[in-house]
Amino acid sequence: MKYTFLMATLAVFLSACGDKPQTLGTGSQDVAPHSGTGKPFAAGGWKQGDKASWESQLKARTQQGQNDYNRMN
C-alpha cells in the first residue's frame, strides 16, 4: 500500500516537471492590417493590400451582424 502511494505521488511530481513554459505571444505585426496575410483564404471582394476594399469589408461585416460582441450582448 505504501509502495503504491509512493509511486503515485512520484508520478504526479514527475509529470509536473515535463510542462513547457507558457509565455505570452505579443501578436504584434510589422505591417498594416489591410496588407493581408499572404494566404489565399480571403473574403470575396477584398483585395489584399487595398485599404479601401479592406475598410468596406469591415463595414459590411459590421452591418451584417458578424460582430460577435453585438451578437452575444
C-alpha atoms as a PDB file:
ATOM      1  CA  MET A   1       0.000   0.000   0.000  1.00  0.00           C
ATOM      2  CA  LYS A   2       2.784   2.410   0.909  1.00  0.00           C
ATOM      3  CA  TYR A   3       4.673   1.462  -2.228  1.00  0.00           C
ATOM      4  CA  THR A   4       1.653   2.179  -4.446  1.00  0.00           C
ATOM      5  CA  PHE A   5       1.054   5.540  -2.781  1.00  0.00           C
ATOM      6  CA  LEU A   6       4.739   6.435  -3.099  1.00  0.00           C
ATOM      7  CA  MET A   7       4.787   5.535  -6.803  1.00  0.00           C
ATOM      8  CA  ALA A   8       1.586   7.506  -7.485  1.00  0.00           C
ATOM      9  CA  THR A   9       2.975  10.549  -5.673  1.00  0.00           C
ATOM     10  CA  LEU A  10       6.256  10.255  -7.534  1.00  0.00           C
ATOM     11  CA  ALA A  11       4.419  10.035 -10.859  1.00  0.00           C
ATOM     12  CA  VAL A  12       2.428  13.190 -10.081  1.00  0.00           C
ATOM     13  CA  PHE A  13       5.523  15.164  -9.150  1.00  0.00           C
ATOM     14  CA  LEU A  14       7.498  13.979 -12.167  1.00  0.00           C
ATOM     15  CA  SER A  15       4.676  14.772 -14.577  1.00  0.00           C
ATOM     16  CA  ALA A  16       4.756  18.393 -13.414  1.00  0.00           C
ATOM     17  CA  CYS A  17       8.412  18.641 -14.437  1.00  0.00           C
ATOM     18  CA  GLY A  18       7.544  17.980 -18.068  1.00  0.00           C
ATOM     19  CA  ASP A  19       5.394  21.085 -18.543  1.00  0.00           C
ATOM     20  CA  LYS A  20       6.525  23.536 -21.171  1.00  0.00           C
ATOM     21  CA  PRO A  21       6.720  27.209 -20.195  1.00  0.00           C
ATOM     22  CA  GLN A  22       3.623  29.157 -21.163  1.00  0.00           C
ATOM     23  CA  THR A  23       4.722  32.536 -22.450  1.00  0.00           C
ATOM     24  CA  LEU A  24       2.533  35.231 -23.902  1.00  0.00           C
ATOM     25  CA  GLY A  25       2.858  35.908 -27.576  1.00  0.00           C
ATOM     26  CA  THR A  26       2.856  39.590 -28.414  1.00  0.00           C
ATOM     27  CA  GLY A  27       0.911  39.226 -31.633  1.00  0.00           C
ATOM     28  CA  SER A  28       2.366  42.465 -32.934  1.00  0.00           C
ATOM     29  CA  GLN A  29       2.504  42.951 -36.666  1.00  0.00           C
ATOM     30  CA  ASP A  30       5.143  44.749 -38.652  1.00  0.00           C
ATOM     31  CA  VAL A  31       2.766  45.539 -41.500  1.00  0.00           C
ATOM     32  CA  ALA A  32      -0.597  47.246 -41.770  1.00  0.00           C
ATOM     33  CA  PRO A  33      -3.668  45.011 -41.296  1.00  0.00           C
ATOM     34  CA  HIS A  34      -5.014  45.753 -44.775  1.00  0.00           C
ATOM     35  CA  SER A  35      -1.871  44.364 -46.406  1.00  0.00           C
ATOM     36  CA  GLY A  36      -3.141  40.824 -45.814  1.00  0.00           C
ATOM     37  CA  THR A  37      -1.586  37.632 -44.577  1.00  0.00           C
ATOM     38  CA  GLY A  38      -0.163  36.322 -47.825  1.00  0.00           C
ATOM     39  CA  LYS A  39      -2.546  33.358 -47.748  1.00  0.00           C
ATOM     40  CA  PRO A  40      -5.147  32.778 -50.473  1.00  0.00           C
ATOM     41  CA  PHE A  41      -8.004  32.489 -47.961  1.00  0.00           C
ATOM     42  CA  ALA A  42      -9.686  35.875 -48.120  1.00  0.00           C
ATOM     43  CA  ALA A  43     -13.226  37.176 -48.331  1.00  0.00           C
ATOM     44  CA  GLY A  44     -14.609  37.739 -51.788  1.00  0.00           C
ATOM     45  CA  GLY A  45     -14.393  41.356 -52.897  1.00  0.00           C
ATOM     46  CA  TRP A  46     -11.372  42.104 -50.769  1.00  0.00           C
ATOM     47  CA  LYS A  47      -8.056  42.656 -52.472  1.00  0.00           C
ATOM     48  CA  GLN A  48      -5.044  42.190 -50.229  1.00  0.00           C
ATOM     49  CA  GLY A  49      -3.109  45.432 -49.927  1.00  0.00           C
ATOM     50  CA  ASP A  50      -6.059  47.677 -50.854  1.00  0.00           C
ATOM     51  CA  LYS A  51      -7.015  49.740 -47.819  1.00  0.00           C
ATOM     52  CA  ALA A  52     -10.320  50.985 -49.275  1.00  0.00           C
ATOM     53  CA  SER A  53     -11.613  47.476 -50.003  1.00  0.00           C
ATOM     54  CA  TRP A  54     -10.434  46.347 -46.552  1.00  0.00           C
ATOM     55  CA  GLU A  55     -12.418  49.163 -44.900  1.00  0.00           C
ATOM     56  CA  SER A  56     -15.518  48.390 -46.974  1.00  0.00           C
ATOM     57  CA  GLN A  57     -15.306  44.701 -45.986  1.00  0.00           C
ATOM     58  CA  LEU A  58     -15.089  45.669 -42.301  1.00  0.00           C
ATOM     59  CA  LYS A  59     -18.078  47.967 -42.693  1.00  0.00           C
ATOM     60  CA  ALA A  60     -20.117  45.269 -44.436  1.00  0.00           C
ATOM     61  CA  ARG A  61     -19.151  42.728 -41.810  1.00  0.00           C
ATOM     62  CA  THR A  62     -20.280  45.035 -39.026  1.00  0.00           C
ATOM     63  CA  GLN A  63     -23.584  45.810 -40.737  1.00  0.00           C
ATOM     64  CA  GLN A  64     -24.348  42.157 -41.484  1.00  0.00           C
ATOM     65  CA  GLY A  65     -24.198  41.178 -37.833  1.00  0.00           C
ATOM     66  CA  GLN A  66     -20.866  39.400 -37.794  1.00  0.00           C
ATOM     67  CA  ASN A  67     -19.697  41.370 -34.788  1.00  0.00           C
ATOM     68  CA  ASP A  68     -19.618  38.772 -32.006  1.00  0.00           C
ATOM     69  CA  TYR A  69     -19.706  41.407 -29.274  1.00  0.00           C
ATOM     70  CA  ASN A  70     -23.034  42.766 -30.512  1.00  0.00           C
ATOM     71  CA  ARG A  71     -24.483  39.313 -31.162  1.00  0.00           C
ATOM     72  CA  MET A  72     -23.722  37.949 -27.697  1.00  0.00           C
ATOM     73  CA  ASN A  73     -24.678  41.010 -25.650  1.00  0.00           C
END
